[in-house]
């Protein structure tokens, strides 16, 4: 697997680097994880968000677009939720929500609906 960088753009406002690249490979298209790992080594950034990887019909290559961040926190602040879920291991930042128990009225309804005495 070989990655050729076509263009690099430093986006100072969003504190990231935007990269368009061509990926050459043999056999089947490599997984997103392998591509992110190689881009991480190539670019020297901590977090790589792979926006898309599109195989070229009839050739053993794909074109892609990725964004590189120096911190995961910044990537989570900027990127849409579905992109974060797709690219970063685990789920997006866990949000603490109190466990809600069913309201008393709901439990009473369920008790009334259940048949008594097994008949």
N, C-alpha and C. Protein backbone atom coordinates (compact mmCIF):
# COMPACT_ATOMS: atom_id res chain seq x y z
N UNK A 1 0.86 -1.18 0.00
CA UNK A 1 0.00 0.00 0.00
C UNK A 1 0.90 1.24 0.00
N UNK A 2 0.62 2.13 -0.93
CA UNK A 2 1.42 3.35 -1.08
C UNK A 2 0.49 4.55 -1.15
N UNK A 3 0.82 5.59 -0.40
CA UNK A 3 0.00 6.82 -0.40
C UNK A 3 0.81 7.94 -1.04
N UNK A 4 0.18 8.60 -2.01
CA UNK A 4 0.79 9.76 -2.66
C UNK A 4 -0.06 10.98 -2.33
N UNK A 5 0.53 11.95 -1.67
CA UNK A 5 -0.18 13.18 -1.30
C UNK A 5 -0.32 14.06 -2.54
N UNK A 6 -1.55 14.41 -2.89
CA UNK A 6 -1.80 15.28 -4.04
C UNK A 6 -1.80 16.74 -3.63
N UNK A 7 -2.42 17.04 -2.49
CA UNK A 7 -2.42 18.42 -2.01
C UNK A 7 -2.53 18.45 -0.49
N UNK A 8 -1.91 19.45 0.10
CA UNK A 8 -1.96 19.68 1.56
C UNK A 8 -2.32 21.13 1.78
N UNK A 9 -3.26 21.35 2.70
CA UNK A 9 -3.67 22.71 3.01
C UNK A 9 -3.71 22.86 4.52
N UNK A 10 -3.03 23.87 5.03
CA UNK A 10 -3.02 24.12 6.46
C UNK A 10 -4.17 25.07 6.79
N UNK A 11 -5.16 24.59 7.52
CA UNK A 11 -6.32 25.40 7.90
C UNK A 11 -6.10 25.90 9.33
N UNK A 12 -5.58 27.08 9.46
CA UNK A 12 -5.23 27.62 10.78
C UNK A 12 -6.46 27.96 11.62
N UNK A 13 -7.52 28.35 10.98
CA UNK A 13 -8.74 28.71 11.71
C UNK A 13 -9.29 27.51 12.49
N UNK A 14 -9.31 26.34 11.86
CA UNK A 14 -9.83 25.14 12.51
C UNK A 14 -8.73 24.26 13.10
N UNK A 15 -7.49 24.74 13.04
CA UNK A 15 -6.33 24.05 13.62
C UNK A 15 -6.21 22.62 13.10
N UNK A 16 -6.20 22.50 11.77
CA UNK A 16 -6.07 21.18 11.17
C UNK A 16 -5.35 21.29 9.83
N UNK A 17 -4.96 20.15 9.30
CA UNK A 17 -4.35 20.07 7.99
C UNK A 17 -5.25 19.21 7.11
N UNK A 18 -5.59 19.70 5.92
CA UNK A 18 -6.48 18.99 5.01
C UNK A 18 -5.64 18.38 3.89
N UNK A 19 -5.86 17.09 3.62
CA UNK A 19 -5.01 16.36 2.69
C UNK A 19 -5.87 15.60 1.67
N UNK A 20 -5.53 15.75 0.40
CA UNK A 20 -6.11 14.93 -0.67
C UNK A 20 -5.00 14.00 -1.14
N UNK A 21 -5.34 12.71 -1.33
CA UNK A 21 -4.31 11.74 -1.63
C UNK A 21 -4.82 10.66 -2.57
N UNK A 22 -3.86 9.94 -3.16
CA UNK A 22 -4.14 8.77 -3.97
C UNK A 22 -3.50 7.58 -3.27
N UNK A 23 -4.27 6.52 -3.15
CA UNK A 23 -3.82 5.30 -2.49
C UNK A 23 -3.68 4.21 -3.54
N UNK A 24 -2.50 3.62 -3.64
CA UNK A 24 -2.26 2.50 -4.56
C UNK A 24 -2.07 1.25 -3.72
N UNK A 25 -2.71 0.16 -4.16
CA UNK A 25 -2.69 -1.07 -3.38
C UNK A 25 -2.81 -2.26 -4.31
N UNK A 26 -2.59 -3.45 -3.75
CA UNK A 26 -2.79 -4.70 -4.48
C UNK A 26 -3.88 -5.48 -3.78
N UNK A 27 -4.71 -6.17 -4.55
CA UNK A 27 -5.79 -6.95 -3.95
C UNK A 27 -6.98 -6.06 -3.64
N UNK A 28 -7.63 -6.35 -2.52
CA UNK A 28 -8.83 -5.58 -2.17
C UNK A 28 -8.46 -4.24 -1.53
N UNK A 29 -9.40 -3.32 -1.54
CA UNK A 29 -9.19 -1.99 -0.97
C UNK A 29 -8.89 -2.12 0.52
N UNK A 30 -7.82 -1.48 0.99
CA UNK A 30 -7.48 -1.56 2.41
C UNK A 30 -8.57 -0.93 3.28
N UNK A 31 -8.67 -1.39 4.50
CA UNK A 31 -9.65 -0.85 5.45
C UNK A 31 -9.29 0.55 5.89
N UNK A 32 -10.29 1.27 6.38
CA UNK A 32 -10.10 2.65 6.83
C UNK A 32 -9.05 2.74 7.93
N UNK A 33 -9.03 1.74 8.82
CA UNK A 33 -8.08 1.76 9.93
C UNK A 33 -6.63 1.74 9.43
N UNK A 34 -6.35 0.89 8.46
CA UNK A 34 -4.99 0.79 7.91
C UNK A 34 -4.59 2.09 7.22
N UNK A 35 -5.52 2.68 6.48
CA UNK A 35 -5.23 3.93 5.77
C UNK A 35 -4.97 5.05 6.78
N UNK A 36 -5.80 5.14 7.83
CA UNK A 36 -5.60 6.18 8.86
C UNK A 36 -4.24 6.00 9.53
N UNK A 37 -3.87 4.75 9.82
CA UNK A 37 -2.60 4.49 10.49
C UNK A 37 -1.43 4.95 9.63
N UNK A 38 -1.47 4.64 8.33
CA UNK A 38 -0.37 5.03 7.45
C UNK A 38 -0.34 6.55 7.26
N UNK A 39 -1.49 7.19 7.15
CA UNK A 39 -1.53 8.65 7.05
C UNK A 39 -0.98 9.30 8.32
N UNK A 40 -1.30 8.71 9.47
CA UNK A 40 -0.81 9.23 10.75
C UNK A 40 0.72 9.21 10.77
N UNK A 41 1.32 8.12 10.31
CA UNK A 41 2.78 8.01 10.26
C UNK A 41 3.36 8.99 9.24
N UNK A 42 2.68 9.14 8.12
CA UNK A 42 3.16 10.00 7.04
C UNK A 42 3.09 11.48 7.40
N UNK A 43 1.99 11.89 8.04
CA UNK A 43 1.77 13.31 8.35
C UNK A 43 2.34 13.72 9.69
N UNK A 44 2.52 12.78 10.60
CA UNK A 44 3.06 13.12 11.92
C UNK A 44 2.07 13.81 12.83
N UNK A 45 0.78 13.57 12.63
CA UNK A 45 -0.27 14.15 13.48
C UNK A 45 -0.84 13.07 14.38
N UNK A 46 -1.52 13.48 15.45
CA UNK A 46 -2.08 12.52 16.41
C UNK A 46 -3.39 11.91 15.95
N UNK A 47 -4.25 12.71 15.32
CA UNK A 47 -5.60 12.25 14.97
C UNK A 47 -5.84 12.47 13.49
N UNK A 48 -6.29 11.42 12.80
CA UNK A 48 -6.62 11.50 11.38
C UNK A 48 -8.10 11.19 11.22
N UNK A 49 -8.82 12.10 10.58
CA UNK A 49 -10.23 11.91 10.25
C UNK A 49 -10.29 11.65 8.75
N UNK A 50 -10.67 10.44 8.39
CA UNK A 50 -10.76 10.06 6.98
C UNK A 50 -12.17 10.36 6.50
N UNK A 51 -12.32 11.41 5.70
CA UNK A 51 -13.64 11.82 5.22
C UNK A 51 -14.19 10.80 4.22
N UNK A 52 -13.40 10.48 3.20
CA UNK A 52 -13.84 9.48 2.23
C UNK A 52 -12.64 8.79 1.59
N UNK A 53 -12.91 7.61 1.07
CA UNK A 53 -11.94 6.82 0.34
C UNK A 53 -12.72 6.16 -0.80
N UNK A 54 -12.52 6.66 -2.03
CA UNK A 54 -13.30 6.19 -3.18
C UNK A 54 -12.41 5.41 -4.14
N UNK A 55 -12.68 4.11 -4.31
CA UNK A 55 -11.90 3.32 -5.27
C UNK A 55 -12.14 3.81 -6.70
N UNK A 56 -11.09 3.73 -7.52
CA UNK A 56 -11.18 4.10 -8.93
C UNK A 56 -11.55 2.83 -9.70
N UNK A 57 -12.60 2.92 -10.51
CA UNK A 57 -13.10 1.77 -11.25
C UNK A 57 -12.03 1.20 -12.18
N UNK A 58 -11.79 -0.09 -12.09
CA UNK A 58 -10.87 -0.77 -12.99
C UNK A 58 -9.40 -0.60 -12.64
N UNK A 59 -9.08 0.02 -11.55
CA UNK A 59 -7.68 0.22 -11.17
C UNK A 59 -7.49 -0.15 -9.70
N UNK A 60 -6.28 -0.47 -9.34
CA UNK A 60 -5.97 -0.78 -7.94
C UNK A 60 -5.53 0.48 -7.22
N UNK A 61 -6.41 1.46 -7.23
CA UNK A 61 -6.12 2.70 -6.52
C UNK A 61 -7.42 3.33 -6.05
N UNK A 62 -7.29 4.22 -5.10
CA UNK A 62 -8.44 4.94 -4.56
C UNK A 62 -8.01 6.37 -4.27
N UNK A 63 -8.97 7.26 -4.34
CA UNK A 63 -8.71 8.67 -4.01
C UNK A 63 -9.39 8.95 -2.68
N UNK A 64 -8.73 9.78 -1.87
CA UNK A 64 -9.29 10.04 -0.56
C UNK A 64 -9.05 11.46 -0.10
N UNK A 65 -9.76 11.81 0.96
CA UNK A 65 -9.65 13.12 1.59
C UNK A 65 -9.64 12.91 3.09
N UNK A 66 -8.66 13.50 3.75
CA UNK A 66 -8.54 13.34 5.20
C UNK A 66 -8.18 14.68 5.84
N UNK A 67 -8.50 14.77 7.13
CA UNK A 67 -8.15 15.95 7.92
C UNK A 67 -7.33 15.48 9.11
N UNK A 68 -6.23 16.16 9.38
CA UNK A 68 -5.32 15.77 10.45
C UNK A 68 -5.35 16.82 11.56
N UNK A 69 -5.53 16.37 12.78
CA UNK A 69 -5.57 17.24 13.96
C UNK A 69 -4.44 16.86 14.90
N UNK A 70 -4.01 17.81 15.70
CA UNK A 70 -2.96 17.51 16.68
C UNK A 70 -3.56 16.94 17.97
N UNK A 71 -4.87 17.13 18.19
CA UNK A 71 -5.48 16.57 19.40
C UNK A 71 -6.88 16.03 19.09
N UNK A 72 -7.25 14.97 19.80
CA UNK A 72 -8.56 14.36 19.62
C UNK A 72 -9.66 15.31 20.09
N UNK A 73 -9.37 16.09 21.12
CA UNK A 73 -10.36 17.04 21.65
C UNK A 73 -10.77 18.03 20.57
N UNK A 74 -9.80 18.57 19.85
CA UNK A 74 -10.10 19.54 18.79
C UNK A 74 -10.90 18.89 17.66
N UNK A 75 -10.57 17.65 17.32
CA UNK A 75 -11.30 16.94 16.26
C UNK A 75 -12.76 16.75 16.66
N UNK A 76 -13.01 16.39 17.92
CA UNK A 76 -14.38 16.20 18.40
C UNK A 76 -15.17 17.51 18.41
N UNK A 77 -14.49 18.64 18.65
CA UNK A 77 -15.16 19.94 18.67
C UNK A 77 -15.60 20.36 17.27
N UNK A 78 -14.80 20.04 16.27
CA UNK A 78 -15.00 20.55 14.92
C UNK A 78 -15.83 19.62 14.04
N UNK A 79 -15.57 18.33 14.10
CA UNK A 79 -16.16 17.37 13.18
C UNK A 79 -17.61 17.02 13.55
N UNK A 80 -18.44 16.72 12.54
CA UNK A 80 -19.81 16.26 12.80
C UNK A 80 -19.80 14.91 13.54
N UNK A 81 -20.85 14.65 14.28
CA UNK A 81 -20.94 13.47 15.13
C UNK A 81 -20.77 12.17 14.36
N UNK A 82 -21.40 12.04 13.19
CA UNK A 82 -21.30 10.78 12.44
C UNK A 82 -19.88 10.53 11.93
N UNK A 83 -19.15 11.58 11.63
CA UNK A 83 -17.77 11.44 11.18
C UNK A 83 -16.89 11.02 12.35
N UNK A 84 -17.15 11.59 13.53
CA UNK A 84 -16.40 11.22 14.74
C UNK A 84 -16.63 9.74 15.05
N UNK A 85 -17.89 9.29 14.98
CA UNK A 85 -18.19 7.88 15.26
C UNK A 85 -17.48 6.96 14.29
N UNK A 86 -17.41 7.36 13.03
CA UNK A 86 -16.81 6.52 11.99
C UNK A 86 -15.30 6.43 12.14
N UNK A 87 -14.66 7.49 12.62
CA UNK A 87 -13.21 7.55 12.60
C UNK A 87 -12.50 7.32 13.92
N UNK A 88 -13.07 7.75 15.01
CA UNK A 88 -12.38 7.62 16.29
C UNK A 88 -12.86 6.37 17.00
N UNK A 89 -11.93 5.66 17.57
CA UNK A 89 -12.29 4.40 18.24
C UNK A 89 -13.21 4.68 19.41
N UNK A 90 -14.14 3.78 19.63
CA UNK A 90 -15.12 3.99 20.69
C UNK A 90 -16.22 4.91 20.22
N UNK A 91 -17.03 5.32 21.14
CA UNK A 91 -18.13 6.21 20.81
C UNK A 91 -17.71 7.65 21.07
N UNK A 92 -18.49 8.62 20.60
CA UNK A 92 -18.17 10.00 20.90
C UNK A 92 -18.18 10.22 22.40
N UNK A 93 -17.72 11.37 22.82
CA UNK A 93 -17.58 11.65 24.24
C UNK A 93 -18.81 11.19 25.01
N UNK A 94 -18.61 10.39 26.04
CA UNK A 94 -19.76 9.91 26.80
C UNK A 94 -20.44 11.06 27.54
N UNK A 95 -21.73 11.13 27.36
CA UNK A 95 -22.50 12.15 28.04
C UNK A 95 -23.20 11.49 29.22
N UNK A 96 -22.97 12.06 30.39
CA UNK A 96 -23.55 11.46 31.58
C UNK A 96 -25.02 11.84 31.68
N UNK A 97 -25.86 10.85 31.60
CA UNK A 97 -27.29 11.06 31.75
C UNK A 97 -27.77 10.18 32.89
N UNK A 98 -28.54 10.75 33.80
CA UNK A 98 -29.04 9.93 34.90
C UNK A 98 -29.99 8.86 34.38
N UNK A 99 -29.86 7.68 34.95
CA UNK A 99 -30.74 6.58 34.55
C UNK A 99 -32.15 6.91 35.03
N UNK A 100 -33.09 6.89 34.12
CA UNK A 100 -34.46 7.23 34.47
C UNK A 100 -35.25 5.96 34.68
N UNK A 101 -35.95 5.92 35.80
CA UNK A 101 -36.83 4.80 36.08
C UNK A 101 -38.20 5.13 35.54
N UNK A 102 -38.98 4.12 35.15
CA UNK A 102 -40.32 4.42 34.64
C UNK A 102 -41.16 5.12 35.70
N UNK A 103 -41.99 6.00 35.23
CA UNK A 103 -42.84 6.76 36.14
C UNK A 103 -43.79 5.80 36.86
N UNK A 104 -44.23 6.13 38.08
CA UNK A 104 -45.12 5.25 38.84
C UNK A 104 -46.40 4.91 38.07
N UNK A 105 -46.93 5.85 37.30
CA UNK A 105 -48.16 5.60 36.55
C UNK A 105 -47.95 4.47 35.53
N UNK A 106 -46.77 4.43 34.90
CA UNK A 106 -46.48 3.39 33.91
C UNK A 106 -46.39 2.02 34.57
N UNK A 107 -45.77 1.93 35.74
CA UNK A 107 -45.63 0.64 36.40
C UNK A 107 -46.99 0.13 36.89
N UNK A 108 -47.87 1.04 37.29
CA UNK A 108 -49.20 0.64 37.72
C UNK A 108 -50.00 0.09 36.55
N UNK A 109 -49.86 0.73 35.36
CA UNK A 109 -50.56 0.26 34.16
C UNK A 109 -50.10 -1.15 33.80
N UNK A 110 -48.79 -1.38 33.87
CA UNK A 110 -48.25 -2.69 33.53
C UNK A 110 -48.76 -3.75 34.51
N UNK A 111 -48.89 -3.39 35.77
CA UNK A 111 -49.37 -4.33 36.78
C UNK A 111 -50.84 -4.67 36.53
N UNK A 112 -51.65 -3.69 36.08
CA UNK A 112 -53.07 -3.90 35.82
C UNK A 112 -53.26 -4.81 34.60
N UNK A 113 -52.37 -4.67 33.59
CA UNK A 113 -52.49 -5.44 32.36
C UNK A 113 -52.09 -6.90 32.54
N UNK A 114 -51.24 -7.19 33.50
CA UNK A 114 -50.77 -8.56 33.73
C UNK A 114 -51.90 -9.39 34.33
N UNK A 115 -52.14 -10.60 33.78
CA UNK A 115 -53.21 -11.44 34.33
C UNK A 115 -52.83 -11.97 35.70
N UNK A 116 -53.82 -12.05 36.56
CA UNK A 116 -53.58 -12.52 37.93
C UNK A 116 -53.96 -13.98 38.03
N UNK A 117 -53.25 -14.72 38.86
CA UNK A 117 -53.59 -16.10 39.17
C UNK A 117 -53.28 -17.07 38.05
N UNK A 118 -52.63 -16.65 37.00
CA UNK A 118 -52.21 -17.54 35.91
C UNK A 118 -53.37 -18.08 35.10
N UNK A 119 -54.51 -17.42 35.03
CA UNK A 119 -55.66 -17.89 34.26
C UNK A 119 -55.68 -17.36 32.86
